[in-house]
Amino acid sequence: MKPNLFYNTINLTSKDIERAEADCRSQEELILSIFEADPSKGYTPYEIWLRTDQRYPATSIRRAMTNLSGSKHGYKLEMTNEMRKGQYGKPNHVWTIRKGQLRIKL
């Protein structure tokens, strides 16, 4: 069973939910590819938002990163105790890819 990527708090129809799930999946793939490009580097949700050219809402980036850190998604990312200044000058946690979570690229 696939984990829910989209949280249907707005009562979408099943066809719209399928589309929303696909959008979420592509967001998560993009985010994961950013972490995989340099696994030694960590990013805040704000830094990831900037790297995606702001094509997704910042809240969607945060949702995707939280999803990627959960058991349903295999714990691909983890939040660290390191903090960096975010968009509004407030501290944001830095996230990293978990050791052993890199996908093999052919």
PDB file of N, CA and C in Angstrom:
ATOM      1  N   MET A   1       0.836  -1.186   0.000  1.00  0.00           N
ATOM      2  CA  MET A   1       0.000   0.000   0.000  1.00  0.00           C
ATOM      3  C   MET A   1       0.883   1.253   0.000  1.00  0.00           C
ATOM      4  N   LYS A   2       0.612   2.155  -0.912  1.00  0.00           N
ATOM      5  CA  LYS A   2       1.383   3.400  -1.001  1.00  0.00           C
ATOM      6  C   LYS A   2       0.986   4.351   0.125  1.00  0.00           C
ATOM      7  N   PRO A   3       1.956   5.059   0.679  1.00  0.00           N
ATOM      8  CA  PRO A   3       1.608   6.053   1.704  1.00  0.00           C
ATOM      9  C   PRO A   3       0.925   7.259   1.067  1.00  0.00           C
ATOM     10  N   ASN A   4       0.048   7.898   1.826  1.00  0.00           N
ATOM     11  CA  ASN A   4      -0.578   9.130   1.348  1.00  0.00           C
ATOM     12  C   ASN A   4       0.463  10.231   1.326  1.00  0.00           C
ATOM     13  N   LEU A   5       0.570  10.902   0.213  1.00  0.00           N
ATOM     14  CA  LEU A   5       1.480  12.032   0.086  1.00  0.00           C
ATOM     15  C   LEU A   5       0.716  13.336   0.256  1.00  0.00           C
ATOM     16  N   PHE A   6      -0.515  13.341  -0.216  1.00  0.00           N
ATOM     17  CA  PHE A   6      -1.372  14.519  -0.158  1.00  0.00           C
ATOM     18  C   PHE A   6      -2.381  14.313   0.964  1.00  0.00           C
ATOM     19  N   TYR A   7      -2.538  15.307   1.799  1.00  0.00           N
ATOM     20  CA  TYR A   7      -3.499  15.242   2.891  1.00  0.00           C
ATOM     21  C   TYR A   7      -4.756  15.984   2.450  1.00  0.00           C
ATOM     22  N   ASN A   8      -5.802  15.243   2.193  1.00  0.00           N
ATOM     23  CA  ASN A   8      -7.027  15.797   1.603  1.00  0.00           C
ATOM     24  C   ASN A   8      -7.865  16.527   2.653  1.00  0.00           C
ATOM     25  N   THR A   9      -7.404  17.684   3.052  1.00  0.00           N
ATOM     26  CA  THR A   9      -8.141  18.501   4.023  1.00  0.00           C
ATOM     27  C   THR A   9      -9.145  19.422   3.338  1.00  0.00           C
ATOM     28  N   ILE A  10      -9.174  19.387   2.006  1.00  0.00           N
ATOM     29  CA  ILE A  10     -10.070  20.281   1.257  1.00  0.00           C
ATOM     30  C   ILE A  10     -11.126  19.506   0.473  1.00  0.00           C
ATOM     31  N   ASN A  11     -11.266  18.223   0.798  1.00  0.00           N
ATOM     32  CA  ASN A  11     -12.326  17.372   0.232  1.00  0.00           C
ATOM     33  C   ASN A  11     -12.317  17.308  -1.298  1.00  0.00           C
ATOM     34  N   LEU A  12     -11.165  17.016  -1.870  1.00  0.00           N
ATOM     35  CA  LEU A  12     -11.075  16.845  -3.314  1.00  0.00           C
ATOM     36  C   LEU A  12     -11.744  15.531  -3.723  1.00  0.00           C
ATOM     37  N   THR A  13     -12.160  15.467  -4.993  1.00  0.00           N
ATOM     38  CA  THR A  13     -12.703  14.222  -5.535  1.00  0.00           C
ATOM     39  C   THR A  13     -11.555  13.241  -5.752  1.00  0.00           C
ATOM     40  N   SER A  14     -11.883  11.977  -5.962  1.00  0.00           N
ATOM     41  CA  SER A  14     -10.835  10.964  -6.099  1.00  0.00           C
ATOM     42  C   SER A  14      -9.916  11.238  -7.294  1.00  0.00           C
ATOM     43  N   LYS A  15     -10.456  11.753  -8.394  1.00  0.00           N
ATOM     44  CA  LYS A  15      -9.620  12.060  -9.561  1.00  0.00           C
ATOM     45  C   LYS A  15      -8.647  13.206  -9.231  1.00  0.00           C
ATOM     46  N   ASP A  16      -9.136  14.217  -8.532  1.00  0.00           N
ATOM     47  CA  ASP A  16      -8.276  15.332  -8.137  1.00  0.00           C
ATOM     48  C   ASP A  16      -7.235  14.895  -7.108  1.00  0.00           C
ATOM     49  N   ILE A  17      -7.600  13.962  -6.256  1.00  0.00           N
ATOM     50  CA  ILE A  17      -6.637  13.441  -5.277  1.00  0.00           C
ATOM     51  C   ILE A  17      -5.502  12.722  -5.998  1.00  0.00           C
ATOM     52  N   GLU A  18      -5.830  11.945  -7.027  1.00  0.00           N
ATOM     53  CA  GLU A  18      -4.792  11.247  -7.808  1.00  0.00           C
ATOM     54  C   GLU A  18      -3.804  12.256  -8.402  1.00  0.00           C
ATOM     55  N   ARG A  19      -4.318  13.336  -8.943  1.00  0.00           N
ATOM     56  CA  ARG A  19      -3.463  14.378  -9.524  1.00  0.00           C
ATOM     57  C   ARG A  19      -2.600  15.027  -8.440  1.00  0.00           C
ATOM     58  N   ALA A  20      -3.213  15.324  -7.292  1.00  0.00           N
ATOM     59  CA  ALA A  20      -2.478  15.936  -6.182  1.00  0.00           C
ATOM     60  C   ALA A  20      -1.385  14.997  -5.673  1.00  0.00           C
ATOM     61  N   GLU A  21      -1.679  13.696  -5.604  1.00  0.00           N
ATOM     62  CA  GLU A  21      -0.689  12.703  -5.175  1.00  0.00           C
ATOM     63  C   GLU A  21       0.503  12.691  -6.143  1.00  0.00           C
ATOM     64  N   ALA A  22       0.216  12.758  -7.432  1.00  0.00           N
ATOM     65  CA  ALA A  22       1.293  12.774  -8.436  1.00  0.00           C
ATOM     66  C   ALA A  22       2.153  14.024  -8.289  1.00  0.00           C
ATOM     67  N   ASP A  23       1.520  15.168  -8.036  1.00  0.00           N
ATOM     68  CA  ASP A  23       2.273  16.412  -7.824  1.00  0.00           C
ATOM     69  C   ASP A  23       3.177  16.289  -6.606  1.00  0.00           C
ATOM     70  N   CYS A  24       2.647  15.734  -5.535  1.00  0.00           N
ATOM     71  CA  CYS A  24       3.434  15.562  -4.307  1.00  0.00           C
ATOM     72  C   CYS A  24       4.608  14.620  -4.551  1.00  0.00           C
ATOM     73  N   ARG A  25       4.362  13.552  -5.287  1.00  0.00           N
ATOM     74  CA  ARG A  25       5.427  12.590  -5.585  1.00  0.00           C
ATOM     75  C   ARG A  25       6.560  13.274  -6.349  1.00  0.00           C
ATOM     76  N   SER A  26       6.222  14.119  -7.326  1.00  0.00           N
ATOM     77  CA  SER A  26       7.271  14.797  -8.099  1.00  0.00           C
ATOM     78  C   SER A  26       8.018  15.807  -7.227  1.00  0.00           C
ATOM     79  N   GLN A  27       7.328  16.458  -6.303  1.00  0.00           N
ATOM     80  CA  GLN A  27       8.000  17.377  -5.371  1.00  0.00           C
ATOM     81  C   GLN A  27       9.003  16.613  -4.522  1.00  0.00           C
ATOM     82  N   GLU A  28       8.578  15.481  -3.995  1.00  0.00           N
ATOM     83  CA  GLU A  28       9.459  14.700  -3.138  1.00  0.00           C
ATOM     84  C   GLU A  28      10.657  14.162  -3.914  1.00  0.00           C
ATOM     85  N   GLU A  29      10.442  13.755  -5.144  1.00  0.00           N
ATOM     86  CA  GLU A  29      11.550  13.282  -5.980  1.00  0.00           C
ATOM     87  C   GLU A  29      12.562  14.408  -6.221  1.00  0.00           C
ATOM     88  N   LEU A  30      12.054  15.601  -6.510  1.00  0.00           N
ATOM     89  CA  LEU A  30      12.933  16.747  -6.741  1.00  0.00           C
ATOM     90  C   LEU A  30      13.730  17.071  -5.483  1.00  0.00           C
ATOM     91  N   ILE A  31      13.056  17.111  -4.352  1.00  0.00           N
ATOM     92  CA  ILE A  31      13.731  17.425  -3.082  1.00  0.00           C
ATOM     93  C   ILE A  31      14.795  16.377  -2.775  1.00  0.00           C
ATOM     94  N   LEU A  32      14.439  15.119  -2.928  1.00  0.00           N
ATOM     95  CA  LEU A  32      15.399  14.057  -2.648  1.00  0.00           C
ATOM     96  C   LEU A  32      16.606  14.148  -3.585  1.00  0.00           C
ATOM     97  N   SER A  33      16.378  14.511  -4.836  1.00  0.00           N
ATOM     98  CA  SER A  33      17.496  14.632  -5.784  1.00  0.00           C
ATOM     99  C   SER A  33      18.445  15.765  -5.388  1.00  0.00           C
ATOM    100  N   ILE A  34      17.931  16.819  -4.784  1.00  0.00           N
ATOM    101  CA  ILE A  34      18.786  17.919  -4.316  1.00  0.00           C
ATOM    102  C   ILE A  34      19.699  17.420  -3.201  1.00  0.00           C
ATOM    103  N   PHE A  35      19.145  16.669  -2.258  1.00  0.00           N
ATOM    104  CA  PHE A  35      19.953  16.113  -1.180  1.00  0.00           C
ATOM    105  C   PHE A  35      20.958  15.094  -1.708  1.00  0.00           C
ATOM    106  N   GLU A  36      20.558  14.296  -2.684  1.00  0.00           N
ATOM    107  CA  GLU A  36      21.447  13.267  -3.233  1.00  0.00           C
ATOM    108  C   GLU A  36      22.585  13.854  -4.060  1.00  0.00           C
ATOM    109  N   ALA A  37      22.375  15.037  -4.629  1.00  0.00           N
ATOM    110  CA  ALA A  37      23.413  15.659  -5.443  1.00  0.00           C
ATOM    111  C   ALA A  37      24.672  15.950  -4.624  1.00  0.00           C
ATOM    112  N   ASP A  38      24.506  16.258  -3.352  1.00  0.00           N
ATOM    113  CA  ASP A  38      25.641  16.473  -2.444  1.00  0.00           C
ATOM    114  C   ASP A  38      25.237  15.981  -1.066  1.00  0.00           C
ATOM    115  N   PRO A  39      25.367  14.667  -0.823  1.00  0.00           N
ATOM    116  CA  PRO A  39      24.882  14.082   0.421  1.00  0.00           C
ATOM    117  C   PRO A  39      25.561  14.602   1.691  1.00  0.00           C
ATOM    118  N   SER A  40      26.690  15.266   1.540  1.00  0.00           N
ATOM    119  CA  SER A  40      27.379  15.793   2.724  1.00  0.00           C
ATOM    120  C   SER A  40      26.784  17.123   3.176  1.00  0.00           C
ATOM    121  N   LYS A  41      25.919  17.693   2.348  1.00  0.00           N
ATOM    122  CA  LYS A  41      25.336  18.999   2.624  1.00  0.00           C
ATOM    123  C   LYS A  41      23.964  18.869   3.258  1.00  0.00           C
ATOM    124  N   GLY A  42      23.633  19.814   4.120  1.00  0.00           N
ATOM    125  CA  GLY A  42      22.301  19.888   4.696  1.00  0.00           C
ATOM    126  C   GLY A  42      21.606  21.157   4.230  1.00  0.00           C
ATOM    127  N   TYR A  43      20.284  21.139   4.262  1.00  0.00           N
ATOM    128  CA  TYR A  43      19.492  22.271   3.786  1.00  0.00           C
ATOM    129  C   TYR A  43      18.319  22.528   4.724  1.00  0.00           C
ATOM    130  N   THR A  44      17.943  23.785   4.832  1.00  0.00           N
ATOM    131  CA  THR A  44      16.700  24.132   5.511  1.00  0.00           C
ATOM    132  C   THR A  44      15.572  24.042   4.483  1.00  0.00           C
ATOM    133  N   PRO A  45      14.327  23.960   4.933  1.00  0.00           N
ATOM    134  CA  PRO A  45      13.220  23.991   3.971  1.00  0.00           C
ATOM    135  C   PRO A  45      13.258  25.252   3.093  1.00  0.00           C
ATOM    136  N   TYR A  46      13.658  26.366   3.679  1.00  0.00           N
ATOM    137  CA  TYR A  46      13.753  27.609   2.904  1.00  0.00           C
ATOM    138  C   TYR A  46      14.808  27.491   1.802  1.00  0.00           C
ATOM    139  N   GLU A  47      15.956  26.898   2.127  1.00  0.00           N
ATOM    140  CA  GLU A  47      17.019  26.728   1.116  1.00  0.00           C
ATOM    141  C   GLU A  47      16.563  25.788   0.000  1.00  0.00           C
ATOM    142  N   ILE A  48      15.809  24.757   0.354  1.00  0.00           N
ATOM    143  CA  ILE A  48      15.260  23.865  -0.671  1.00  0.00           C
ATOM    144  C   ILE A  48      14.260  24.624  -1.528  1.00  0.00           C
ATOM    145  N   TRP A  49      13.421  25.425  -0.902  1.00  0.00           N
ATOM    146  CA  TRP A  49      12.440  26.235  -1.644  1.00  0.00           C
ATOM    147  C   TRP A  49      13.156  27.120  -2.669  1.00  0.00           C
ATOM    148  N   LEU A  50      14.264  27.756  -2.268  1.00  0.00           N
ATOM    149  CA  LEU A  50      15.030  28.590  -3.201  1.00  0.00           C
ATOM    150  C   LEU A  50      15.610  27.756  -4.337  1.00  0.00           C
ATOM    151  N   ARG A  51      16.105  26.563  -4.035  1.00  0.00           N
ATOM    152  CA  ARG A  51      16.712  25.697  -5.051  1.00  0.00           C
ATOM    153  C   ARG A  51      15.679  25.169  -6.049  1.00  0.00           C
ATOM    154  N   THR A  52      14.410  25.170  -5.674  1.00  0.00           N
ATOM    155  CA  THR A  52      13.363  24.727  -6.599  1.00  0.00           C
ATOM    156  C   THR A  52      12.772  25.905  -7.365  1.00  0.00           C
ATOM    157  N   ASP A  53      13.451  27.045  -7.308  1.00  0.00           N
ATOM    158  CA  ASP A  53      12.999  28.266  -8.002  1.00  0.00           C
ATOM    159  C   ASP A  53      11.603  28.682  -7.565  1.00  0.00           C
ATOM    160  N   GLN A  54      11.266  28.384  -6.324  1.00  0.00           N
ATOM    161  CA  GLN A  54       9.979  28.733  -5.724  1.00  0.00           C
ATOM    162  C   GLN A  54       8.789  28.246  -6.546  1.00  0.00           C
ATOM    163  N   ARG A  55       8.952  27.135  -7.252  1.00  0.00           N
ATOM    164  CA  ARG A  55       7.846  26.636  -8.080  1.00  0.00           C
ATOM    165  C   ARG A  55       6.759  25.947  -7.268  1.00  0.00           C
ATOM    166  N   TYR A  56       7.074  25.620  -6.004  1.00  0.00           N
ATOM    167  CA  TYR A  56       6.090  25.039  -5.092  1.00  0.00           C
ATOM    168  C   TYR A  56       5.945  25.957  -3.886  1.00  0.00           C
ATOM    169  N   PRO A  57       4.800  25.980  -3.258  1.00  0.00           N
ATOM    170  CA  PRO A  57       4.667  26.783  -2.033  1.00  0.00           C
ATOM    171  C   PRO A  57       5.632  26.269  -0.955  1.00  0.00           C
ATOM    172  N   ALA A  58       6.128  27.179  -0.150  1.00  0.00           N
ATOM    173  CA  ALA A  58       7.071  26.803   0.920  1.00  0.00           C
ATOM    174  C   ALA A  58       6.440  25.778   1.853  1.00  0.00           C
ATOM    175  N   THR A  59       5.154  25.876   2.086  1.00  0.00           N
ATOM    176  CA  THR A  59       4.491  24.904   2.966  1.00  0.00           C
ATOM    177  C   THR A  59       4.508  23.500   2.356  1.00  0.00           C
ATOM    178  N   SER A  60       4.440  23.406   1.031  1.00  0.00           N
ATOM    179  CA  SER A  60       4.522  22.105   0.363  1.00  0.00           C
ATOM    180  C   SER A  60       5.920  21.512   0.490  1.00  0.00           C
ATOM    181  N   ILE A  61       6.932  22.372   0.438  1.00  0.00           N
ATOM    182  CA  ILE A  61       8.310  21.907   0.623  1.00  0.00           C
ATOM    183  C   ILE A  61       8.455  21.328   2.034  1.00  0.00           C
ATOM    184  N   ARG A  62       7.950  22.036   3.012  1.00  0.00           N
ATOM    185  CA  ARG A  62       8.023  21.551   4.401  1.00  0.00           C
ATOM    186  C   ARG A  62       7.268  20.230   4.554  1.00  0.00           C
ATOM    187  N   ARG A  63       6.078  20.128   3.963  1.00  0.00           N
ATOM    188  CA  ARG A  63       5.301  18.893   4.027  1.00  0.00           C
ATOM    189  C   ARG A  63       6.076  17.741   3.411  1.00  0.00           C
ATOM    190  N   ALA A  64       6.656  17.981   2.245  1.00  0.00           N
ATOM    191  CA  ALA A  64       7.401  16.930   1.556  1.00  0.00           C
ATOM    192  C   ALA A  64       8.612  16.485   2.373  1.00  0.00           C
ATOM    193  N   MET A  65       9.330  17.431   2.965  1.00  0.00           N
ATOM    194  CA  MET A  65      10.502  17.072   3.768  1.00  0.00           C
ATOM    195  C   MET A  65      10.078  16.284   5.006  1.00  0.00           C
ATOM    196  N   THR A  66       8.961  16.672   5.615  1.00  0.00           N
ATOM    197  CA  THR A  66       8.446  15.924   6.757  1.00  0.00           C
ATOM    198  C   THR A  66       8.039  14.518   6.328  1.00  0.00           C
ATOM    199  N   ASN A  67       7.352  14.400   5.185  1.00  0.00           N
ATOM    200  CA  ASN A  67       6.988  13.079   4.660  1.00  0.00           C
ATOM    201  C   ASN A  67       8.228  12.219   4.452  1.00  0.00           C
ATOM    202  N   LEU A  68       9.263  12.802   3.859  1.00  0.00           N
ATOM    203  CA  LEU A  68      10.481  12.054   3.558  1.00  0.00           C
ATOM    204  C   LEU A  68      11.256  11.654   4.812  1.00  0.00           C
ATOM    205  N   SER A  69      10.902  12.218   5.941  1.00  0.00           N
ATOM    206  CA  SER A  69      11.582  11.849   7.182  1.00  0.00           C
ATOM    207  C   SER A  69      10.777  10.820   7.982  1.00  0.00           C
ATOM    208  N   GLY A  70       9.610  10.444   7.485  1.00  0.00           N
ATOM    209  CA  GLY A  70       8.749   9.526   8.220  1.00  0.00           C
ATOM    210  C   GLY A  70       8.923   8.072   7.817  1.00  0.00           C
ATOM    211  N   SER A  71       8.429   7.194   8.658  1.00  0.00           N
ATOM    212  CA  SER A  71       8.575   5.752   8.437  1.00  0.00           C
ATOM    213  C   SER A  71       7.844   5.275   7.182  1.00  0.00           C
ATOM    214  N   LYS A  72       6.731   5.919   6.831  1.00  0.00           N
ATOM    215  CA  LYS A  72       5.985   5.504   5.639  1.00  0.00           C
ATOM    216  C   LYS A  72       6.798   5.680   4.368  1.00  0.00           C
ATOM    217  N   HIS A  73       7.773   6.570   4.414  1.00  0.00           N
ATOM    218  CA  HIS A  73       8.584   6.871   3.239  1.00  0.00           C
ATOM    219  C   HIS A  73      10.011   6.355   3.386  1.00  0.00           C
ATOM    220  N   GLY A  74      10.250   5.567   4.403  1.00  0.00           N
ATOM    221  CA  GLY A  74      11.559   4.939   4.555  1.00  0.00           C
ATOM    222  C   GLY A  74      12.606   5.798   5.233  1.00  0.00           C
ATOM    223  N   TYR A  75      12.209   6.837   5.955  1.00  0.00           N
ATOM    224  CA  TYR A  75      13.171   7.675   6.688  1.00  0.00           C
ATOM    225  C   TYR A  75      14.308   8.166   5.793  1.00  0.00           C
ATOM    226  N   LYS A  76      14.020   8.764   4.679  1.00  0.00           N
ATOM    227  CA  LYS A  76      15.060   9.200   3.754  1.00  0.00           C
ATOM    228  C   LYS A  76      15.804  10.454   4.234  1.00  0.00           C
ATOM    229  N   LEU A  77      15.096  11.356   4.893  1.00  0.00           N
ATOM    230  CA  LEU A  77      15.715  12.577   5.414  1.00  0.00           C
ATOM    231  C   LEU A  77      15.633  12.579   6.929  1.00  0.00           C
ATOM    232  N   GLU A  78      16.503  13.385   7.541  1.00  0.00           N
ATOM    233  CA  GLU A  78      16.398  13.577   8.981  1.00  0.00           C
ATOM    234  C   GLU A  78      16.685  15.031   9.329  1.00  0.00           C
ATOM    235  N   MET A  79      15.941  15.515  10.310  1.00  0.00           N
ATOM    236  CA  MET A  79      16.128  16.877  10.793  1.00  0.00           C
ATOM    237  C   MET A  79      17.261  16.853  11.817  1.00  0.00           C
ATOM    238  N   THR A  80      18.166  17.806  11.705  1.00  0.00           N
ATOM    239  CA  THR A  80      19.288  17.892  12.641  1.00  0.00           C
ATOM    240  C   THR A  80      19.005  18.976  13.681  1.00  0.00           C
ATOM    241  N   ASN A  81      19.910  19.114  14.617  1.00  0.00           N
ATOM    242  CA  ASN A  81      19.794  20.182  15.621  1.00  0.00           C
ATOM    243  C   ASN A  81      20.398  21.493  15.128  1.00  0.00           C
ATOM    244  N   GLU A  82      21.104  21.440  13.995  1.00  0.00           N
ATOM    245  CA  GLU A  82      21.695  22.665  13.431  1.00  0.00           C
ATOM    246  C   GLU A  82      20.575  23.584  12.938  1.00  0.00           C
ATOM    247  N   MET A  83      20.755  24.880  13.144  1.00  0.00           N
ATOM    248  CA  MET A  83      19.758  25.867  12.712  1.00  0.00           C
ATOM    249  C   MET A  83      20.436  26.930  11.850  1.00  0.00           C
ATOM    250  N   ARG A  84      19.689  27.415  10.855  1.00  0.00           N
ATOM    251  CA  ARG A  84      20.130  28.539  10.022  1.00  0.00           C
ATOM    252  C   ARG A  84      18.967  29.510   9.899  1.00  0.00           C
ATOM    253  N   LYS A  85      19.342  30.767   9.633  1.00  0.00           N
ATOM    254  CA  LYS A  85      18.321  31.804   9.484  1.00  0.00           C
ATOM    255  C   LYS A  85      17.495  31.534   8.228  1.00  0.00           C
ATOM    256  N   GLY A  86      16.178  31.666   8.371  1.00  0.00           N
ATOM    257  CA  GLY A  86      15.261  31.442   7.263  1.00  0.00           C
ATOM    258  C   GLY A  86      14.819  32.731   6.606  1.00  0.00           C
ATOM    259  N   GLN A  87      13.796  32.633   5.805  1.00  0.00           N
ATOM    260  CA  GLN A  87      13.295  33.739   4.990  1.00  0.00           C
ATOM    261  C   GLN A  87      12.930  34.971   5.820  1.00  0.00           C
ATOM    262  N   TYR A  88      12.372  34.773   6.982  1.00  0.00           N
ATOM    263  CA  TYR A  88      11.929  35.901   7.791  1.00  0.00           C
ATOM    264  C   TYR A  88      12.834  36.145   8.987  1.00  0.00           C
ATOM    265  N   GLY A  89      14.075  35.663   8.884  1.00  0.00           N
ATOM    266  CA  GLY A  89      15.053  35.883   9.938  1.00  0.00           C
ATOM    267  C   GLY A  89      14.927  34.956  11.128  1.00  0.00           C
ATOM    268  N   LYS A  90      13.998  34.019  11.077  1.00  0.00           N
ATOM    269  CA  LYS A  90      13.797  33.075  12.165  1.00  0.00           C
ATOM    270  C   LYS A  90      14.631  31.814  11.905  1.00  0.00           C
ATOM    271  N   PRO A  91      15.073  31.153  12.973  1.00  0.00           N
ATOM    272  CA  PRO A  91      15.874  29.944  12.784  1.00  0.00           C
ATOM    273  C   PRO A  91      15.065  28.799  12.181  1.00  0.00           C
ATOM    274  N   ASN A  92      15.691  28.080  11.267  1.00  0.00           N
ATOM    275  CA  ASN A  92      15.113  26.901  10.621  1.00  0.00           C
ATOM    276  C   ASN A  92      16.054  25.733  10.858  1.00  0.00           C
ATOM    277  N   HIS A  93      15.493  24.560  11.102  1.00  0.00           N
ATOM    278  CA  HIS A  93      16.326  23.363  11.230  1.00  0.00           C
ATOM    279  C   HIS A  93      16.944  22.993   9.889  1.00  0.00           C
ATOM    280  N   VAL A  94      18.142  22.459   9.950  1.00  0.00           N
ATOM    281  CA  VAL A  94      18.823  21.919   8.776  1.00  0.00           C
ATOM    282  C   VAL A  94      18.480  20.433   8.698  1.00  0.00           C
ATOM    283  N   TRP A  95      18.204  19.967   7.499  1.00  0.00           N
ATOM    284  CA  TRP A  95      17.877  18.567   7.241  1.00  0.00           C
ATOM    285  C   TRP A  95      18.991  17.953   6.409  1.00  0.00           C
ATOM    286  N   THR A  96      19.214  16.667   6.577  1.00  0.00           N
ATOM    287  CA  THR A  96      20.208  15.944   5.781  1.00  0.00           C
ATOM    288  C   THR A  96      19.593  14.641   5.285  1.00  0.00           C
ATOM    289  N   ILE A  97      20.251  14.044   4.312  1.00  0.00           N
ATOM    290  CA  ILE A  97      19.829  12.720   3.864  1.00  0.00           C
ATOM    291  C   ILE A  97      20.412  11.714   4.853  1.00  0.00           C
ATOM    292  N   ARG A  98      19.621  10.735   5.232  1.00  0.00           N
ATOM    293  CA  ARG A  98      20.089   9.722   6.185  1.00  0.00           C
ATOM    294  C   ARG A  98      21.158   8.852   5.539  1.00  0.00           C
ATOM    295  N   LYS A  99      22.111   8.449   6.322  1.00  0.00           N
ATOM    296  CA  LYS A  99      23.137   7.539   5.815  1.00  0.00           C
ATOM    297  C   LYS A  99      22.471   6.266   5.315  1.00  0.00           C
ATOM    298  N   GLY A 100      22.962   5.774   4.195  1.00  0.00           N
ATOM    299  CA  GLY A 100      22.419   4.556   3.624  1.00  0.00           C
ATOM    300  C   GLY A 100      21.165   4.756   2.795  1.00  0.00           C
ATOM    301  N   GLN A 101      20.743   6.005   2.577  1.00  0.00           N
ATOM    302  CA  GLN A 101      19.512   6.265   1.848  1.00  0.00           C
ATOM    303  C   GLN A 101      19.740   6.730   0.407  1.00  0.00           C
ATOM    304  N   LEU A 102      20.985   6.780  -0.039  1.00  0.00           N
ATOM    305  CA  LEU A 102      21.239   7.192  -1.421  1.00  0.00           C
ATOM    306  C   LEU A 102      20.744   6.107  -2.378  1.00  0.00           C
ATOM    307  N   ARG A 103      20.072   6.508  -3.426  1.00  0.00           N
ATOM    308  CA  ARG A 103      19.627   5.566  -4.441  1.00  0.00           C
ATOM    309  C   ARG A 103      20.756   5.385  -5.434  1.00  0.00           C
ATOM    310  N   ILE A 104      20.877   4.188  -5.969  1.00  0.00           N
ATOM    311  CA  ILE A 104      21.903   3.897  -6.975  1.00  0.00           C
ATOM    312  C   ILE A 104      21.436   4.484  -8.298  1.00  0.00           C
ATOM    313  N   LYS A 105      22.312   5.268  -8.921  1.00  0.00           N
ATOM    314  CA  LYS A 105      21.982   5.865 -10.204  1.00  0.00           C
ATOM    315  C   LYS A 105      22.740   5.125 -11.303  1.00  0.00           C
ATOM    316  N   LEU A 106      22.016   4.723 -12.313  1.00  0.00           N
ATOM    317  CA  LEU A 106      22.645   4.003 -13.436  1.00  0.00           C
ATOM    318  C   LEU A 106      22.909   4.926 -14.588  1.00  0.00           C
TER     319      LEU A 106
END
